[in-house]
Amino acid sequence: MSWKFFVQMAIGPIHYAATVFRNQDTNDTGQDDLIALTLDYVANVLAAIVTDQPIPKAPAGIR
């Protein structure tokens, strides 16, 4: 198996972790939401790398 397989297997759990952080409270500000935003971005970067796509720009919240 190639390294891409293992990276692809990690993308889903990273998005899930982002959802867990995002759902800790009802607002969309704070440390939990910043962590969620960062985790989603990391998962999107990994997906782009695995599929040989351009790296997405970082969301404004983490620039």
PDB file of N, CA and C in Angstrom:
ATOM      1  N   MET A   1       0.838  -1.184   0.000  1.00  0.00           N
ATOM      2  CA  MET A   1       0.000   0.000   0.000  1.00  0.00           C
ATOM      3  C   MET A   1       0.880   1.243   0.000  1.00  0.00           C
ATOM      4  N   SER A   2       0.401   2.252  -0.678  1.00  0.00           N
ATOM      5  CA  SER A   2       1.180   3.482  -0.750  1.00  0.00           C
ATOM      6  C   SER A   2       0.828   4.402   0.422  1.00  0.00           C
ATOM      7  N   TRP A   3       1.647   5.398   0.595  1.00  0.00           N
ATOM      8  CA  TRP A   3       1.431   6.356   1.675  1.00  0.00           C
ATOM      9  C   TRP A   3       0.114   7.101   1.484  1.00  0.00           C
ATOM     10  N   LYS A   4      -0.325   7.242   0.221  1.00  0.00           N
ATOM     11  CA  LYS A   4      -1.564   7.968  -0.037  1.00  0.00           C
ATOM     12  C   LYS A   4      -2.760   7.274   0.601  1.00  0.00           C
ATOM     13  N   PHE A   5      -2.742   5.957   0.622  1.00  0.00           N
ATOM     14  CA  PHE A   5      -3.831   5.208   1.249  1.00  0.00           C
ATOM     15  C   PHE A   5      -3.962   5.582   2.716  1.00  0.00           C
ATOM     16  N   PHE A   6      -2.844   5.622   3.422  1.00  0.00           N
ATOM     17  CA  PHE A   6      -2.869   5.925   4.850  1.00  0.00           C
ATOM     18  C   PHE A   6      -3.271   7.376   5.118  1.00  0.00           C
ATOM     19  N   VAL A   7      -2.845   8.268   4.251  1.00  0.00           N
ATOM     20  CA  VAL A   7      -3.244   9.671   4.405  1.00  0.00           C
ATOM     21  C   VAL A   7      -4.741   9.806   4.161  1.00  0.00           C
ATOM     22  N   GLN A   8      -5.258   9.138   3.136  1.00  0.00           N
ATOM     23  CA  GLN A   8      -6.696   9.174   2.865  1.00  0.00           C
ATOM     24  C   GLN A   8      -7.500   8.630   4.045  1.00  0.00           C
ATOM     25  N   MET A   9      -6.978   7.616   4.698  1.00  0.00           N
ATOM     26  CA  MET A   9      -7.672   7.045   5.852  1.00  0.00           C
ATOM     27  C   MET A   9      -7.723   8.029   7.024  1.00  0.00           C
ATOM     28  N   ALA A  10      -6.798   8.961   7.083  1.00  0.00           N
ATOM     29  CA  ALA A  10      -6.755   9.929   8.182  1.00  0.00           C
ATOM     30  C   ALA A  10      -7.668  11.131   7.941  1.00  0.00           C
ATOM     31  N   ILE A  11      -8.024  11.393   6.702  1.00  0.00           N
ATOM     32  CA  ILE A  11      -8.794  12.595   6.386  1.00  0.00           C
ATOM     33  C   ILE A  11     -10.164  12.585   7.056  1.00  0.00           C
ATOM     34  N   GLY A  12     -10.877  11.491   6.995  1.00  0.00           N
ATOM     35  CA  GLY A  12     -12.205  11.395   7.623  1.00  0.00           C
ATOM     36  C   GLY A  12     -12.167  11.656   9.121  1.00  0.00           C
ATOM     37  N   PRO A  13     -11.298  10.975   9.864  1.00  0.00           N
ATOM     38  CA  PRO A  13     -11.223  11.242  11.304  1.00  0.00           C
ATOM     39  C   PRO A  13     -10.818  12.678  11.644  1.00  0.00           C
ATOM     40  N   ILE A  14     -10.001  13.300  10.807  1.00  0.00           N
ATOM     41  CA  ILE A  14      -9.628  14.700  11.061  1.00  0.00           C
ATOM     42  C   ILE A  14     -10.854  15.596  10.899  1.00  0.00           C
ATOM     43  N   HIS A  15     -11.638  15.361   9.850  1.00  0.00           N
ATOM     44  CA  HIS A  15     -12.885  16.134   9.674  1.00  0.00           C
ATOM     45  C   HIS A  15     -13.843  15.869  10.835  1.00  0.00           C
ATOM     46  N   TYR A  16     -13.900  14.629  11.298  1.00  0.00           N
ATOM     47  CA  TYR A  16     -14.765  14.303  12.432  1.00  0.00           C
ATOM     48  C   TYR A  16     -14.325  15.049  13.683  1.00  0.00           C
ATOM     49  N   ALA A  17     -13.022  15.087  13.929  1.00  0.00           N
ATOM     50  CA  ALA A  17     -12.500  15.823  15.095  1.00  0.00           C
ATOM     51  C   ALA A  17     -12.868  17.297  14.984  1.00  0.00           C
ATOM     52  N   ALA A  18     -12.816  17.851  13.779  1.00  0.00           N
ATOM     53  CA  ALA A  18     -13.203  19.246  13.585  1.00  0.00           C
ATOM     54  C   ALA A  18     -14.670  19.440  13.957  1.00  0.00           C
ATOM     55  N   THR A  19     -15.506  18.502  13.568  1.00  0.00           N
ATOM     56  CA  THR A  19     -16.931  18.596  13.892  1.00  0.00           C
ATOM     57  C   THR A  19     -17.154  18.536  15.399  1.00  0.00           C
ATOM     58  N   VAL A  20     -16.423  17.687  16.075  1.00  0.00           N
ATOM     59  CA  VAL A  20     -16.549  17.577  17.527  1.00  0.00           C
ATOM     60  C   VAL A  20     -16.202  18.909  18.186  1.00  0.00           C
ATOM     61  N   PHE A  21     -15.111  19.519  17.762  1.00  0.00           N
ATOM     62  CA  PHE A  21     -14.737  20.815  18.331  1.00  0.00           C
ATOM     63  C   PHE A  21     -15.773  21.885  17.988  1.00  0.00           C
ATOM     64  N   ARG A  22     -16.244  21.889  16.747  1.00  0.00           N
ATOM     65  CA  ARG A  22     -17.204  22.899  16.314  1.00  0.00           C
ATOM     66  C   ARG A  22     -18.503  22.804  17.106  1.00  0.00           C
ATOM     67  N   ASN A  23     -18.883  21.602  17.498  1.00  0.00           N
ATOM     68  CA  ASN A  23     -20.160  21.396  18.184  1.00  0.00           C
ATOM     69  C   ASN A  23     -20.067  21.496  19.703  1.00  0.00           C
ATOM     70  N   GLN A  24     -18.957  21.951  20.227  1.00  0.00           N
ATOM     71  CA  GLN A  24     -18.831  22.077  21.683  1.00  0.00           C
ATOM     72  C   GLN A  24     -19.743  23.154  22.252  1.00  0.00           C
ATOM     73  N   ASP A  25     -20.052  24.154  21.454  1.00  0.00           N
ATOM     74  CA  ASP A  25     -20.968  25.194  21.898  1.00  0.00           C
ATOM     75  C   ASP A  25     -21.735  25.717  20.686  1.00  0.00           C
ATOM     76  N   THR A  26     -22.641  26.653  20.928  1.00  0.00           N
ATOM     77  CA  THR A  26     -23.509  27.108  19.843  1.00  0.00           C
ATOM     78  C   THR A  26     -22.955  28.283  19.058  1.00  0.00           C
ATOM     79  N   ASN A  27     -21.923  28.941  19.583  1.00  0.00           N
ATOM     80  CA  ASN A  27     -21.390  30.091  18.840  1.00  0.00           C
ATOM     81  C   ASN A  27     -20.354  29.618  17.833  1.00  0.00           C
ATOM     82  N   ASP A  28     -19.892  30.553  17.030  1.00  0.00           N
ATOM     83  CA  ASP A  28     -18.880  30.199  16.026  1.00  0.00           C
ATOM     84  C   ASP A  28     -17.591  30.992  16.241  1.00  0.00           C
ATOM     85  N   THR A  29     -17.336  31.297  17.490  1.00  0.00           N
ATOM     86  CA  THR A  29     -16.098  31.990  17.857  1.00  0.00           C
ATOM     87  C   THR A  29     -15.446  31.242  19.003  1.00  0.00           C
ATOM     88  N   GLY A  30     -14.207  31.549  19.240  1.00  0.00           N
ATOM     89  CA  GLY A  30     -13.514  30.947  20.366  1.00  0.00           C
ATOM     90  C   GLY A  30     -12.495  29.917  19.930  1.00  0.00           C
ATOM     91  N   GLN A  31     -11.794  29.421  20.922  1.00  0.00           N
ATOM     92  CA  GLN A  31     -10.704  28.488  20.672  1.00  0.00           C
ATOM     93  C   GLN A  31     -11.190  27.192  20.024  1.00  0.00           C
ATOM     94  N   ASP A  32     -12.324  26.681  20.448  1.00  0.00           N
ATOM     95  CA  ASP A  32     -12.831  25.434  19.877  1.00  0.00           C
ATOM     96  C   ASP A  32     -13.127  25.580  18.385  1.00  0.00           C
ATOM     97  N   ASP A  33     -13.670  26.705  17.995  1.00  0.00           N
ATOM     98  CA  ASP A  33     -13.983  26.918  16.584  1.00  0.00           C
ATOM     99  C   ASP A  33     -12.729  27.175  15.753  1.00  0.00           C
ATOM    100  N   LEU A  34     -11.728  27.805  16.337  1.00  0.00           N
ATOM    101  CA  LEU A  34     -10.458  27.985  15.642  1.00  0.00           C
ATOM    102  C   LEU A  34      -9.775  26.636  15.419  1.00  0.00           C
ATOM    103  N   ILE A  35      -9.832  25.771  16.409  1.00  0.00           N
ATOM    104  CA  ILE A  35      -9.279  24.421  16.252  1.00  0.00           C
ATOM    105  C   ILE A  35     -10.031  23.676  15.150  1.00  0.00           C
ATOM    106  N   ALA A  36     -11.359  23.776  15.141  1.00  0.00           N
ATOM    107  CA  ALA A  36     -12.162  23.111  14.115  1.00  0.00           C
ATOM    108  C   ALA A  36     -11.808  23.625  12.728  1.00  0.00           C
ATOM    109  N   LEU A  37     -11.668  24.928  12.597  1.00  0.00           N
ATOM    110  CA  LEU A  37     -11.315  25.521  11.310  1.00  0.00           C
ATOM    111  C   LEU A  37      -9.951  25.023  10.842  1.00  0.00           C
ATOM    112  N   THR A  38      -9.008  24.956  11.766  1.00  0.00           N
ATOM    113  CA  THR A  38      -7.662  24.494  11.430  1.00  0.00           C
ATOM    114  C   THR A  38      -7.663  23.018  11.036  1.00  0.00           C
ATOM    115  N   LEU A  39      -8.381  22.207  11.773  1.00  0.00           N
ATOM    116  CA  LEU A  39      -8.452  20.781  11.444  1.00  0.00           C
ATOM    117  C   LEU A  39      -9.085  20.554  10.075  1.00  0.00           C
ATOM    118  N   ASP A  40     -10.152  21.279   9.773  1.00  0.00           N
ATOM    119  CA  ASP A  40     -10.771  21.149   8.452  1.00  0.00           C
ATOM    120  C   ASP A  40      -9.801  21.563   7.360  1.00  0.00           C
ATOM    121  N   TYR A  41      -9.051  22.633   7.593  1.00  0.00           N
ATOM    122  CA  TYR A  41      -8.087  23.079   6.601  1.00  0.00           C
ATOM    123  C   TYR A  41      -6.993  22.032   6.397  1.00  0.00           C
ATOM    124  N   VAL A  42      -6.493  21.472   7.475  1.00  0.00           N
ATOM    125  CA  VAL A  42      -5.464  20.431   7.369  1.00  0.00           C
ATOM    126  C   VAL A  42      -5.991  19.243   6.571  1.00  0.00           C
ATOM    127  N   ALA A  43      -7.209  18.828   6.851  1.00  0.00           N
ATOM    128  CA  ALA A  43      -7.795  17.710   6.109  1.00  0.00           C
ATOM    129  C   ALA A  43      -7.922  18.053   4.625  1.00  0.00           C
ATOM    130  N   ASN A  44      -8.301  19.291   4.315  1.00  0.00           N
ATOM    131  CA  ASN A  44      -8.425  19.703   2.913  1.00  0.00           C
ATOM    132  C   ASN A  44      -7.061  19.759   2.228  1.00  0.00           C
ATOM    133  N   VAL A  45      -6.035  20.187   2.950  1.00  0.00           N
ATOM    134  CA  VAL A  45      -4.677  20.199   2.388  1.00  0.00           C
ATOM    135  C   VAL A  45      -4.223  18.769   2.105  1.00  0.00           C
ATOM    136  N   LEU A  46      -4.456  17.872   3.043  1.00  0.00           N
ATOM    137  CA  LEU A  46      -4.073  16.474   2.830  1.00  0.00           C
ATOM    138  C   LEU A  46      -4.806  15.875   1.641  1.00  0.00           C
ATOM    139  N   ALA A  47      -6.085  16.180   1.518  1.00  0.00           N
ATOM    140  CA  ALA A  47      -6.859  15.671   0.378  1.00  0.00           C
ATOM    141  C   ALA A  47      -6.301  16.212  -0.932  1.00  0.00           C
ATOM    142  N   ALA A  48      -5.909  17.465  -0.947  1.00  0.00           N
ATOM    143  CA  ALA A  48      -5.334  18.051  -2.157  1.00  0.00           C
ATOM    144  C   ALA A  48      -4.008  17.388  -2.501  1.00  0.00           C
ATOM    145  N   ILE A  49      -3.205  17.122  -1.503  1.00  0.00           N
ATOM    146  CA  ILE A  49      -1.909  16.481  -1.745  1.00  0.00           C
ATOM    147  C   ILE A  49      -2.108  15.082  -2.322  1.00  0.00           C
ATOM    148  N   VAL A  50      -3.010  14.333  -1.739  1.00  0.00           N
ATOM    149  CA  VAL A  50      -3.245  12.951  -2.174  1.00  0.00           C
ATOM    150  C   VAL A  50      -3.784  12.902  -3.601  1.00  0.00           C
ATOM    151  N   THR A  51      -4.594  13.881  -3.966  1.00  0.00           N
ATOM    152  CA  THR A  51      -5.200  13.875  -5.300  1.00  0.00           C
ATOM    153  C   THR A  51      -4.446  14.748  -6.299  1.00  0.00           C
ATOM    154  N   ASP A  52      -3.263  15.194  -5.924  1.00  0.00           N
ATOM    155  CA  ASP A  52      -2.421  16.014  -6.798  1.00  0.00           C
ATOM    156  C   ASP A  52      -3.121  17.284  -7.281  1.00  0.00           C
ATOM    157  N   GLN A  53      -3.872  17.897  -6.380  1.00  0.00           N
ATOM    158  CA  GLN A  53      -4.554  19.153  -6.664  1.00  0.00           C
ATOM    159  C   GLN A  53      -3.781  20.299  -6.016  1.00  0.00           C
ATOM    160  N   PRO A  54      -4.050  21.535  -6.422  1.00  0.00           N
ATOM    161  CA  PRO A  54      -3.403  22.666  -5.764  1.00  0.00           C
ATOM    162  C   PRO A  54      -3.829  22.775  -4.301  1.00  0.00           C
ATOM    163  N   ILE A  55      -2.908  23.230  -3.482  1.00  0.00           N
ATOM    164  CA  ILE A  55      -3.206  23.410  -2.058  1.00  0.00           C
ATOM    165  C   ILE A  55      -4.214  24.556  -1.921  1.00  0.00           C
ATOM    166  N   PRO A  56      -5.295  24.358  -1.172  1.00  0.00           N
ATOM    167  CA  PRO A  56      -6.273  25.439  -1.009  1.00  0.00           C
ATOM    168  C   PRO A  56      -5.689  26.562  -0.153  1.00  0.00           C
ATOM    169  N   LYS A  57      -6.204  27.754  -0.386  1.00  0.00           N
ATOM    170  CA  LYS A  57      -5.781  28.887   0.432  1.00  0.00           C
ATOM    171  C   LYS A  57      -6.316  28.710   1.843  1.00  0.00           C
ATOM    172  N   ALA A  58      -5.545  29.188   2.791  1.00  0.00           N
ATOM    173  CA  ALA A  58      -5.970  29.108   4.195  1.00  0.00           C
ATOM    174  C   ALA A  58      -7.176  30.005   4.414  1.00  0.00           C
ATOM    175  N   PRO A  59      -8.119  29.570   5.219  1.00  0.00           N
ATOM    176  CA  PRO A  59      -9.261  30.415   5.528  1.00  0.00           C
ATOM    177  C   PRO A  59      -8.804  31.684   6.263  1.00  0.00           C
ATOM    178  N   ALA A  60      -9.567  32.733   6.123  1.00  0.00           N
ATOM    179  CA  ALA A  60      -9.198  34.005   6.736  1.00  0.00           C
ATOM    180  C   ALA A  60      -9.017  33.882   8.251  1.00  0.00           C
ATOM    181  N   GLY A  61      -9.751  32.991   8.874  1.00  0.00           N
ATOM    182  CA  GLY A  61      -9.677  32.844  10.324  1.00  0.00           C
ATOM    183  C   GLY A  61      -8.349  32.321  10.847  1.00  0.00           C
ATOM    184  N   ILE A  62      -7.544  31.720   9.979  1.00  0.00           N
ATOM    185  CA  ILE A  62      -6.249  31.186  10.455  1.00  0.00           C
ATOM    186  C   ILE A  62      -5.057  31.796   9.727  1.00  0.00           C
ATOM    187  N   ARG A  63      -5.293  32.842   8.956  1.00  0.00           N
ATOM    188  CA  ARG A  63      -4.166  33.509   8.277  1.00  0.00           C
ATOM    189  C   ARG A  63      -3.443  34.423   9.194  1.00  0.00           C
TER     190      ARG A  63
END
